[in-house]
């Protein structure tokens, strides 16, 4: 990365990396020293400084600790991350990172936190067909970074109910769908993720026909999140949240068991591979 290039020509990742490099050199630290201080390799530090990878929250916090910058780099990373999400989604995103339980019901597309890069890219390319490639890639990276919630010391329990339409709607082609279904099978093997499929054979829906997410916390009230064409909305009234939880219990009861759900996903995976 050429430091003589005007800052306005840098993308956010390049600017972040340049600032890391400047402060590191100012503290007279090598990339190896910074890597050791943050828990990463010097190769990872090099990629961050060149703007080639999205730094992790752990790395940003490690930089602040090593440099004594009092949350500067953590704040910069948060602004980069939020900049690739619509403003109405940021409040949900901040709560998702703190949740102890995430109860999801998806009707047409696999929920964002479980999407592969290729699947997310296909969605964003369809939604934002006039955007430049780097804008799309920024959104893809931000979406995939949501998985870091499962790297916490106490990761949340994610329970997702996927309507069969999520698995049969061909996003990005058969190869992309095969990769997405493979990832779902891998994710479902985690002790922190439970997955059920609502099959077409279940007939008329037992509860809500709209996607929704319920977030539970160890020290805060439960929150319901819903989306419309114009954005997302958080609901925290006890009556509304309780109704959503009742709906979720009904959906869970009518969905396939986790084992039968995985069998259906495996059968569909064979179809996509064929």
C-alpha atoms as a PDB file:
ATOM      1  CA  UNK A   1       0.000   0.000   0.000  1.00  0.00           C
ATOM      2  CA  UNK A   2       1.405   3.328  -1.067  1.00  0.00           C
ATOM      3  CA  UNK A   3       1.372   5.765   1.858  1.00  0.00           C
ATOM      4  CA  UNK A   4       1.769   8.665  -0.587  1.00  0.00           C
ATOM      5  CA  UNK A   5      -1.716   7.999  -1.942  1.00  0.00           C
ATOM      6  CA  UNK A   6      -4.230  10.556  -0.627  1.00  0.00           C
ATOM      7  CA  UNK A   7      -6.233   9.065   2.290  1.00  0.00           C
ATOM      8  CA  UNK A   8      -9.524   9.636   0.487  1.00  0.00           C
ATOM      9  CA  UNK A   9      -8.423   7.068  -2.104  1.00  0.00           C
ATOM     10  CA  UNK A  10      -8.128   4.356   0.541  1.00  0.00           C
ATOM     11  CA  UNK A  11     -11.027   2.063   1.295  1.00  0.00           C
ATOM     12  CA  UNK A  12     -11.921   1.662   5.022  1.00  0.00           C
ATOM     13  CA  UNK A  13      -9.838  -1.492   5.450  1.00  0.00           C
ATOM     14  CA  UNK A  14      -6.781   0.146   3.909  1.00  0.00           C
ATOM     15  CA  UNK A  15      -7.197   3.188   6.159  1.00  0.00           C
ATOM     16  CA  UNK A  16      -7.484   0.956   9.218  1.00  0.00           C
ATOM     17  CA  UNK A  17      -4.360  -0.975   8.177  1.00  0.00           C
ATOM     18  CA  UNK A  18      -2.409   2.198   7.492  1.00  0.00           C
ATOM     19  CA  UNK A  19      -3.243   3.554  10.940  1.00  0.00           C
ATOM     20  CA  UNK A  20      -2.164   0.286  12.555  1.00  0.00           C
ATOM     21  CA  UNK A  21       1.142   0.468  10.683  1.00  0.00           C
ATOM     22  CA  UNK A  22       1.737   4.117  11.618  1.00  0.00           C
ATOM     23  CA  UNK A  23       1.103   3.560  15.311  1.00  0.00           C
ATOM     24  CA  UNK A  24       3.099   0.312  15.324  1.00  0.00           C
ATOM     25  CA  UNK A  25       6.123   2.026  13.786  1.00  0.00           C
ATOM     26  CA  UNK A  26       5.663   4.951  16.156  1.00  0.00           C
ATOM     27  CA  UNK A  27       5.847   2.510  19.084  1.00  0.00           C
ATOM     28  CA  UNK A  28       8.894   0.888  17.430  1.00  0.00           C
ATOM     29  CA  UNK A  29       7.223  -2.532  17.265  1.00  0.00           C
ATOM     30  CA  UNK A  30       7.714  -5.138  14.551  1.00  0.00           C
ATOM     31  CA  UNK A  31       4.848  -7.005  12.958  1.00  0.00           C
ATOM     32  CA  UNK A  32       5.996 -10.051  14.892  1.00  0.00           C
ATOM     33  CA  UNK A  33       5.806  -8.143  18.184  1.00  0.00           C
ATOM     34  CA  UNK A  34       2.300  -6.913  17.406  1.00  0.00           C
ATOM     35  CA  UNK A  35       1.218 -10.367  16.303  1.00  0.00           C
ATOM     36  CA  UNK A  36       2.393 -11.846  19.585  1.00  0.00           C
ATOM     37  CA  UNK A  37       0.657  -9.107  21.563  1.00  0.00           C
ATOM     38  CA  UNK A  38      -2.657  -9.626  19.754  1.00  0.00           C
ATOM     39  CA  UNK A  39      -2.542 -13.415  19.462  1.00  0.00           C
ATOM     40  CA  UNK A  40      -1.986 -13.546  15.706  1.00  0.00           C
ATOM     41  CA  UNK A  41       0.846 -14.295  13.295  1.00  0.00           C
ATOM     42  CA  UNK A  42       3.014 -11.597  11.749  1.00  0.00           C
ATOM     43  CA  UNK A  43       1.530 -12.682   8.384  1.00  0.00           C
ATOM     44  CA  UNK A  44      -1.940 -11.782   9.676  1.00  0.00           C
ATOM     45  CA  UNK A  45      -0.666  -8.394  10.853  1.00  0.00           C
ATOM     46  CA  UNK A  46       0.819  -7.818   7.412  1.00  0.00           C
ATOM     47  CA  UNK A  47      -2.482  -8.624   5.691  1.00  0.00           C
ATOM     48  CA  UNK A  48      -4.379  -6.275   8.012  1.00  0.00           C
ATOM     49  CA  UNK A  49      -1.887  -3.454   7.418  1.00  0.00           C
ATOM     50  CA  UNK A  50      -2.190  -3.905   3.661  1.00  0.00           C
ATOM     51  CA  UNK A  51      -5.989  -3.832   3.853  1.00  0.00           C
ATOM     52  CA  UNK A  52      -6.364  -7.372   2.526  1.00  0.00           C
ATOM     53  CA  UNK A  53      -8.416  -8.831   5.396  1.00  0.00           C
ATOM     54  CA  UNK A  54     -11.137  -7.589   7.708  1.00  0.00           C
ATOM     55  CA  UNK A  55      -9.492  -7.439  11.155  1.00  0.00           C
ATOM     56  CA  UNK A  56     -11.217  -9.283  13.959  1.00  0.00           C
ATOM     57  CA  UNK A  57     -12.590  -7.609  17.059  1.00  0.00           C
ATOM     58  CA  UNK A  58      -9.957  -9.503  19.061  1.00  0.00           C
ATOM     59  CA  UNK A  59      -7.194  -7.998  16.920  1.00  0.00           C
ATOM     60  CA  UNK A  60      -8.548  -4.445  17.242  1.00  0.00           C
ATOM     61  CA  UNK A  61      -8.819  -4.796  21.012  1.00  0.00           C
ATOM     62  CA  UNK A  62      -5.301  -6.265  21.095  1.00  0.00           C
ATOM     63  CA  UNK A  63      -3.964  -3.263  19.179  1.00  0.00           C
ATOM     64  CA  UNK A  64      -5.568  -0.882  21.671  1.00  0.00           C
ATOM     65  CA  UNK A  65      -3.990  -2.809  24.526  1.00  0.00           C
ATOM     66  CA  UNK A  66      -0.555  -3.018  22.883  1.00  0.00           C
ATOM     67  CA  UNK A  67      -0.567   0.623  21.756  1.00  0.00           C
ATOM     68  CA  UNK A  68      -2.368   2.115  24.756  1.00  0.00           C
ATOM     69  CA  UNK A  69      -4.896   3.757  22.429  1.00  0.00           C
ATOM     70  CA  UNK A  70      -7.906   3.385  24.738  1.00  0.00           C
ATOM     71  CA  UNK A  71     -10.444   1.831  22.337  1.00  0.00           C
ATOM     72  CA  UNK A  72      -9.397   3.796  19.233  1.00  0.00           C
ATOM     73  CA  UNK A  73      -8.978   0.779  16.942  1.00  0.00           C
ATOM     74  CA  UNK A  74     -11.975  -1.073  18.370  1.00  0.00           C
ATOM     75  CA  UNK A  75     -14.080   2.005  17.592  1.00  0.00           C
ATOM     76  CA  UNK A  76     -12.671   2.272  14.070  1.00  0.00           C
ATOM     77  CA  UNK A  77     -13.469  -1.381  13.404  1.00  0.00           C
ATOM     78  CA  UNK A  78     -16.990  -0.973  14.739  1.00  0.00           C
ATOM     79  CA  UNK A  79     -17.607   1.971  12.406  1.00  0.00           C
ATOM     80  CA  UNK A  80     -16.270  -0.008   9.430  1.00  0.00           C
ATOM     81  CA  UNK A  81     -18.502  -2.937  10.304  1.00  0.00           C
ATOM     82  CA  UNK A  82     -21.589  -0.793  10.810  1.00  0.00           C
ATOM     83  CA  UNK A  83     -20.877   1.078   7.589  1.00  0.00           C
ATOM     84  CA  UNK A  84     -21.463  -2.124   5.609  1.00  0.00           C
ATOM     85  CA  UNK A  85     -24.852  -2.697   7.245  1.00  0.00           C
ATOM     86  CA  UNK A  86     -27.969  -0.569   6.710  1.00  0.00           C
ATOM     87  CA  UNK A  87     -28.412   1.904   9.565  1.00  0.00           C
ATOM     88  CA  UNK A  88     -31.713   0.352  10.628  1.00  0.00           C
ATOM     89  CA  UNK A  89     -29.985  -3.023  11.108  1.00  0.00           C
ATOM     90  CA  UNK A  90     -27.202  -1.787  13.416  1.00  0.00           C
ATOM     91  CA  UNK A  91     -29.334  -1.785  16.625  1.00  0.00           C
ATOM     92  CA  UNK A  92     -30.205  -5.434  16.006  1.00  0.00           C
ATOM     93  CA  UNK A  93     -26.589  -6.273  15.210  1.00  0.00           C
ATOM     94  CA  UNK A  94     -25.384  -4.782  18.499  1.00  0.00           C
ATOM     95  CA  UNK A  95     -27.932  -6.852  20.427  1.00  0.00           C
ATOM     96  CA  UNK A  96     -27.157 -10.041  18.499  1.00  0.00           C
ATOM     97  CA  UNK A  97     -23.554  -9.812  19.702  1.00  0.00           C
ATOM     98  CA  UNK A  98     -24.720  -9.790  23.328  1.00  0.00           C
ATOM     99  CA  UNK A  99     -27.512 -12.357  23.155  1.00  0.00           C
ATOM    100  CA  UNK A 100     -27.354 -15.603  25.114  1.00  0.00           C
ATOM    101  CA  UNK A 101     -30.026 -17.226  22.913  1.00  0.00           C
ATOM    102  CA  UNK A 102     -31.040 -16.504  19.320  1.00  0.00           C
ATOM    103  CA  UNK A 103     -34.328 -18.005  18.144  1.00  0.00           C
ATOM    104  CA  UNK A 104     -34.746 -17.609  14.383  1.00  0.00           C
ATOM    105  CA  UNK A 105     -37.537 -18.457  11.974  1.00  0.00           C
ATOM    106  CA  UNK A 106     -36.565 -18.028   8.299  1.00  0.00           C
ATOM    107  CA  UNK A 107     -39.094 -18.366   5.487  1.00  0.00           C
ATOM    108  CA  UNK A 108     -37.289 -17.778   2.172  1.00  0.00           C
ATOM    109  CA  UNK A 109     -33.560 -17.316   2.754  1.00  0.00           C
ATOM    110  CA  UNK A 110     -31.098 -18.813   5.214  1.00  0.00           C
ATOM    111  CA  UNK A 111     -30.543 -16.374   8.090  1.00  0.00           C
ATOM    112  CA  UNK A 112     -27.517 -14.110   7.679  1.00  0.00           C
ATOM    113  CA  UNK A 113     -25.355 -15.509  10.466  1.00  0.00           C
ATOM    114  CA  UNK A 114     -25.476 -18.960   8.799  1.00  0.00           C
ATOM    115  CA  UNK A 115     -24.840 -17.840   5.220  1.00  0.00           C
ATOM    116  CA  UNK A 116     -21.703 -18.789   3.311  1.00  0.00           C
ATOM    117  CA  UNK A 117     -19.716 -16.103   1.517  1.00  0.00           C
ATOM    118  CA  UNK A 118     -20.885 -17.308  -1.900  1.00  0.00           C
ATOM    119  CA  UNK A 119     -24.555 -17.413  -0.822  1.00  0.00           C
ATOM    120  CA  UNK A 120     -24.381 -13.949   0.753  1.00  0.00           C
ATOM    121  CA  UNK A 121     -22.574 -12.579  -2.305  1.00  0.00           C
ATOM    122  CA  UNK A 122     -25.302 -13.886  -4.617  1.00  0.00           C
ATOM    123  CA  UNK A 123     -27.968 -12.230  -2.459  1.00  0.00           C
ATOM    124  CA  UNK A 124     -26.189  -8.872  -2.362  1.00  0.00           C
ATOM    125  CA  UNK A 125     -25.463  -8.971  -6.083  1.00  0.00           C
ATOM    126  CA  UNK A 126     -29.196  -9.403  -6.670  1.00  0.00           C
ATOM    127  CA  UNK A 127     -30.280  -6.801  -4.094  1.00  0.00           C
ATOM    128  CA  UNK A 128     -27.640  -4.211  -5.029  1.00  0.00           C
ATOM    129  CA  UNK A 129     -27.138  -4.879  -8.713  1.00  0.00           C
ATOM    130  CA  UNK A 130     -25.883  -1.326  -9.372  1.00  0.00           C
ATOM    131  CA  UNK A 131     -23.262  -1.279  -6.638  1.00  0.00           C
ATOM    132  CA  UNK A 132     -19.529  -1.650  -7.303  1.00  0.00           C
ATOM    133  CA  UNK A 133     -17.851  -4.971  -6.587  1.00  0.00           C
ATOM    134  CA  UNK A 134     -15.950  -3.587  -3.574  1.00  0.00           C
ATOM    135  CA  UNK A 135     -19.212  -2.429  -1.989  1.00  0.00           C
ATOM    136  CA  UNK A 136     -20.674  -5.906  -2.406  1.00  0.00           C
ATOM    137  CA  UNK A 137     -17.549  -7.502  -0.929  1.00  0.00           C
ATOM    138  CA  UNK A 138     -17.714  -5.168   2.064  1.00  0.00           C
ATOM    139  CA  UNK A 139     -21.265  -6.300   2.764  1.00  0.00           C
ATOM    140  CA  UNK A 140     -20.302  -9.957   2.356  1.00  0.00           C
ATOM    141  CA  UNK A 141     -17.393  -9.598   4.778  1.00  0.00           C
ATOM    142  CA  UNK A 142     -19.554  -7.807   7.331  1.00  0.00           C
ATOM    143  CA  UNK A 143     -22.195 -10.524   7.137  1.00  0.00           C
ATOM    144  CA  UNK A 144     -19.726 -13.383   7.549  1.00  0.00           C
ATOM    145  CA  UNK A 145     -18.123 -11.594  10.520  1.00  0.00           C
ATOM    146  CA  UNK A 146     -21.347 -12.091  12.437  1.00  0.00           C
ATOM    147  CA  UNK A 147     -20.167 -15.656  13.028  1.00  0.00           C
ATOM    148  CA  UNK A 148     -17.656 -14.267  15.525  1.00  0.00           C
ATOM    149  CA  UNK A 149     -20.486 -14.403  18.058  1.00  0.00           C
ATOM    150  CA  UNK A 150     -19.746 -18.128  18.312  1.00  0.00           C
ATOM    151  CA  UNK A 151     -16.096 -17.426  19.165  1.00  0.00           C
ATOM    152  CA  UNK A 152     -17.004 -15.716  22.437  1.00  0.00           C
ATOM    153  CA  UNK A 153     -16.054 -17.321  25.744  1.00  0.00           C
ATOM    154  CA  UNK A 154     -19.786 -17.942  26.279  1.00  0.00           C
ATOM    155  CA  UNK A 155     -21.262 -18.243  22.773  1.00  0.00           C
ATOM    156  CA  UNK A 156     -25.026 -17.956  22.296  1.00  0.00           C
ATOM    157  CA  UNK A 157     -27.332 -20.868  21.631  1.00  0.00           C
ATOM    158  CA  UNK A 158     -28.726 -20.408  18.125  1.00  0.00           C
ATOM    159  CA  UNK A 159     -31.946 -22.251  17.316  1.00  0.00           C
ATOM    160  CA  UNK A 160     -33.057 -21.790  13.727  1.00  0.00           C
ATOM    161  CA  UNK A 161     -36.160 -23.100  11.987  1.00  0.00           C
ATOM    162  CA  UNK A 162     -35.781 -22.972   8.214  1.00  0.00           C
ATOM    163  CA  UNK A 163     -38.800 -23.273   5.988  1.00  0.00           C
ATOM    164  CA  UNK A 164     -38.087 -25.812   3.249  1.00  0.00           C
ATOM    165  CA  UNK A 165     -38.290 -22.888   0.797  1.00  0.00           C
ATOM    166  CA  UNK A 166     -34.960 -21.643   2.214  1.00  0.00           C
ATOM    167  CA  UNK A 167     -33.336 -24.843   1.018  1.00  0.00           C
ATOM    168  CA  UNK A 168     -35.057 -25.026  -2.363  1.00  0.00           C
ATOM    169  CA  UNK A 169     -34.808 -21.382  -3.446  1.00  0.00           C
ATOM    170  CA  UNK A 170     -31.794 -21.553  -5.750  1.00  0.00           C
ATOM    171  CA  UNK A 171     -29.548 -18.655  -4.739  1.00  0.00           C
ATOM    172  CA  UNK A 172     -26.482 -18.273  -6.958  1.00  0.00           C
ATOM    173  CA  UNK A 173     -26.890 -21.637  -8.702  1.00  0.00           C
ATOM    174  CA  UNK A 174     -26.608 -25.294  -7.728  1.00  0.00           C
ATOM    175  CA  UNK A 175     -22.945 -25.070  -6.710  1.00  0.00           C
ATOM    176  CA  UNK A 176     -23.590 -22.178  -4.334  1.00  0.00           C
ATOM    177  CA  UNK A 177     -26.570 -23.998  -2.835  1.00  0.00           C
ATOM    178  CA  UNK A 178     -24.542 -27.168  -2.369  1.00  0.00           C
ATOM    179  CA  UNK A 179     -21.918 -25.178  -0.479  1.00  0.00           C
ATOM    180  CA  UNK A 180     -24.621 -23.517   1.633  1.00  0.00           C
ATOM    181  CA  UNK A 181     -26.232 -26.817   2.569  1.00  0.00           C
ATOM    182  CA  UNK A 182     -22.841 -28.318   3.396  1.00  0.00           C
ATOM    183  CA  UNK A 183     -22.208 -25.400   5.735  1.00  0.00           C
ATOM    184  CA  UNK A 184     -25.584 -25.909   7.425  1.00  0.00           C
ATOM    185  CA  UNK A 185     -24.683 -29.525   8.101  1.00  0.00           C
ATOM    186  CA  UNK A 186     -21.351 -28.455   9.575  1.00  0.00           C
ATOM    187  CA  UNK A 187     -22.960 -25.731  11.674  1.00  0.00           C
ATOM    188  CA  UNK A 188     -25.610 -28.108  13.007  1.00  0.00           C
ATOM    189  CA  UNK A 189     -22.844 -30.301  14.422  1.00  0.00           C
ATOM    190  CA  UNK A 190     -21.929 -27.497  16.838  1.00  0.00           C
ATOM    191  CA  UNK A 191     -23.294 -27.822  20.388  1.00  0.00           C
ATOM    192  CA  UNK A 192     -24.278 -24.148  20.136  1.00  0.00           C
ATOM    193  CA  UNK A 193     -26.521 -24.516  17.071  1.00  0.00           C
ATOM    194  CA  UNK A 194     -29.830 -26.352  16.744  1.00  0.00           C
ATOM    195  CA  UNK A 195     -31.466 -26.597  13.326  1.00  0.00           C
ATOM    196  CA  UNK A 196     -34.911 -27.712  12.249  1.00  0.00           C
ATOM    197  CA  UNK A 197     -36.629 -27.646   8.876  1.00  0.00           C
ATOM    198  CA  UNK A 198     -40.315 -26.805   8.384  1.00  0.00           C
ATOM    199  CA  UNK A 199     -41.189 -29.125   5.483  1.00  0.00           C
ATOM    200  CA  UNK A 200     -43.712 -28.326   2.771  1.00  0.00           C
ATOM    201  CA  UNK A 201     -45.563 -31.443   3.942  1.00  0.00           C
ATOM    202  CA  UNK A 202     -46.403 -29.686   7.225  1.00  0.00           C
ATOM    203  CA  UNK A 203     -49.181 -27.925   5.320  1.00  0.00           C
ATOM    204  CA  UNK A 204     -50.728 -24.675   6.508  1.00  0.00           C
ATOM    205  CA  UNK A 205     -48.362 -22.873   8.897  1.00  0.00           C
ATOM    206  CA  UNK A 206     -49.079 -23.404  12.579  1.00  0.00           C
ATOM    207  CA  UNK A 207     -48.061 -19.849  13.439  1.00  0.00           C
ATOM    208  CA  UNK A 208     -46.472 -16.778  11.883  1.00  0.00           C
ATOM    209  CA  UNK A 209     -45.806 -16.830   8.150  1.00  0.00           C
ATOM    210  CA  UNK A 210     -43.279 -13.991   8.425  1.00  0.00           C
ATOM    211  CA  UNK A 211     -39.623 -14.418   9.431  1.00  0.00           C
ATOM    212  CA  UNK A 212     -38.657 -13.184  12.886  1.00  0.00           C
ATOM    213  CA  UNK A 213     -35.903 -13.462  15.471  1.00  0.00           C
ATOM    214  CA  UNK A 214     -36.153 -13.496  19.257  1.00  0.00           C
ATOM    215  CA  UNK A 215     -33.054 -12.467  21.228  1.00  0.00           C
ATOM    216  CA  UNK A 216     -32.694 -13.527  24.853  1.00  0.00           C
ATOM    217  CA  UNK A 217     -30.147 -12.155  27.321  1.00  0.00           C
ATOM    218  CA  UNK A 218     -28.836 -13.131  30.717  1.00  0.00           C
ATOM    219  CA  UNK A 219     -29.344  -9.661  32.207  1.00  0.00           C
ATOM    220  CA  UNK A 220     -31.749  -7.817  29.872  1.00  0.00           C
ATOM    221  CA  UNK A 221     -35.358  -8.201  28.679  1.00  0.00           C
ATOM    222  CA  UNK A 222     -36.098 -10.438  25.683  1.00  0.00           C
ATOM    223  CA  UNK A 223     -36.405  -8.628  22.322  1.00  0.00           C
ATOM    224  CA  UNK A 224     -38.282  -9.494  19.128  1.00  0.00           C
ATOM    225  CA  UNK A 225     -36.868  -8.414  15.755  1.00  0.00           C
ATOM    226  CA  UNK A 226     -38.923  -8.237  12.565  1.00  0.00           C
ATOM    227  CA  UNK A 227     -38.295  -6.788   9.093  1.00  0.00           C
ATOM    228  CA  UNK A 228     -40.426  -5.051   6.479  1.00  0.00           C
ATOM    229  CA  UNK A 229     -39.636  -3.585   3.066  1.00  0.00           C
ATOM    230  CA  UNK A 230     -38.492  -0.354   4.697  1.00  0.00           C
ATOM    231  CA  UNK A 231     -36.281  -1.782   7.431  1.00  0.00           C
ATOM    232  CA  UNK A 232     -36.132  -3.675  10.689  1.00  0.00           C
ATOM    233  CA  UNK A 233     -37.941  -3.070  13.949  1.00  0.00           C
ATOM    234  CA  UNK A 234     -37.228  -4.065  17.549  1.00  0.00           C
ATOM    235  CA  UNK A 235     -40.137  -4.980  19.847  1.00  0.00           C
ATOM    236  CA  UNK A 236     -39.733  -5.239  23.620  1.00  0.00           C
ATOM    237  CA  UNK A 237     -43.282  -5.134  24.980  1.00  0.00           C
ATOM    238  CA  UNK A 238     -43.969  -8.232  27.084  1.00  0.00           C
ATOM    239  CA  UNK A 239     -47.223  -8.978  25.248  1.00  0.00           C
ATOM    240  CA  UNK A 240     -45.627  -8.865  21.778  1.00  0.00           C
ATOM    241  CA  UNK A 241     -42.589 -10.896  22.816  1.00  0.00           C
ATOM    242  CA  UNK A 242     -44.685 -13.539  24.582  1.00  0.00           C
ATOM    243  CA  UNK A 243     -46.884 -13.926  21.481  1.00  0.00           C
ATOM    244  CA  UNK A 244     -43.767 -14.440  19.345  1.00  0.00           C
ATOM    245  CA  UNK A 245     -42.441 -17.065  21.783  1.00  0.00           C
ATOM    246  CA  UNK A 246     -45.785 -18.884  21.638  1.00  0.00           C
ATOM    247  CA  UNK A 247     -45.553 -18.843  17.844  1.00  0.00           C
ATOM    248  CA  UNK A 248     -42.009 -20.162  18.006  1.00  0.00           C
ATOM    249  CA  UNK A 249     -43.051 -23.060  20.242  1.00  0.00           C
ATOM    250  CA  UNK A 250     -45.763 -23.997  17.718  1.00  0.00           C
ATOM    251  CA  UNK A 251     -43.356 -23.762  14.796  1.00  0.00           C
ATOM    252  CA  UNK A 252     -40.787 -25.868  16.622  1.00  0.00           C
ATOM    253  CA  UNK A 253     -43.425 -28.511  17.393  1.00  0.00           C
ATOM    254  CA  UNK A 254     -44.551 -28.764  13.745  1.00  0.00           C
ATOM    255  CA  UNK A 255     -41.069 -28.750  12.221  1.00  0.00           C
ATOM    256  CA  UNK A 256     -39.047 -31.888  11.546  1.00  0.00           C
ATOM    257  CA  UNK A 257     -36.876 -33.106  14.395  1.00  0.00           C
ATOM    258  CA  UNK A 258     -33.211 -32.048  14.214  1.00  0.00           C
ATOM    259  CA  UNK A 259     -32.180 -35.518  12.994  1.00  0.00           C
ATOM    260  CA  UNK A 260     -34.883 -35.694  10.311  1.00  0.00           C
ATOM    261  CA  UNK A 261     -34.059 -32.122   9.307  1.00  0.00           C
ATOM    262  CA  UNK A 262     -30.446 -33.072   8.649  1.00  0.00           C
ATOM    263  CA  UNK A 263     -31.600 -36.068   6.608  1.00  0.00           C
ATOM    264  CA  UNK A 264     -33.698 -33.772   4.407  1.00  0.00           C
ATOM    265  CA  UNK A 265     -30.763 -31.373   3.960  1.00  0.00           C
ATOM    266  CA  UNK A 266     -28.483 -34.270   2.989  1.00  0.00           C
ATOM    267  CA  UNK A 267     -30.992 -35.493   0.396  1.00  0.00           C
ATOM    268  CA  UNK A 268     -31.319 -32.008  -1.092  1.00  0.00           C
ATOM    269  CA  UNK A 269     -27.529 -31.684  -1.135  1.00  0.00           C
ATOM    270  CA  UNK A 270     -27.362 -34.797  -3.334  1.00  0.00           C
ATOM    271  CA  UNK A 271     -29.831 -33.171  -5.731  1.00  0.00           C
ATOM    272  CA  UNK A 272     -27.758 -30.003  -6.010  1.00  0.00           C
ATOM    273  CA  UNK A 273     -24.570 -31.983  -6.556  1.00  0.00           C
ATOM    274  CA  UNK A 274     -26.260 -33.994  -9.300  1.00  0.00           C
END
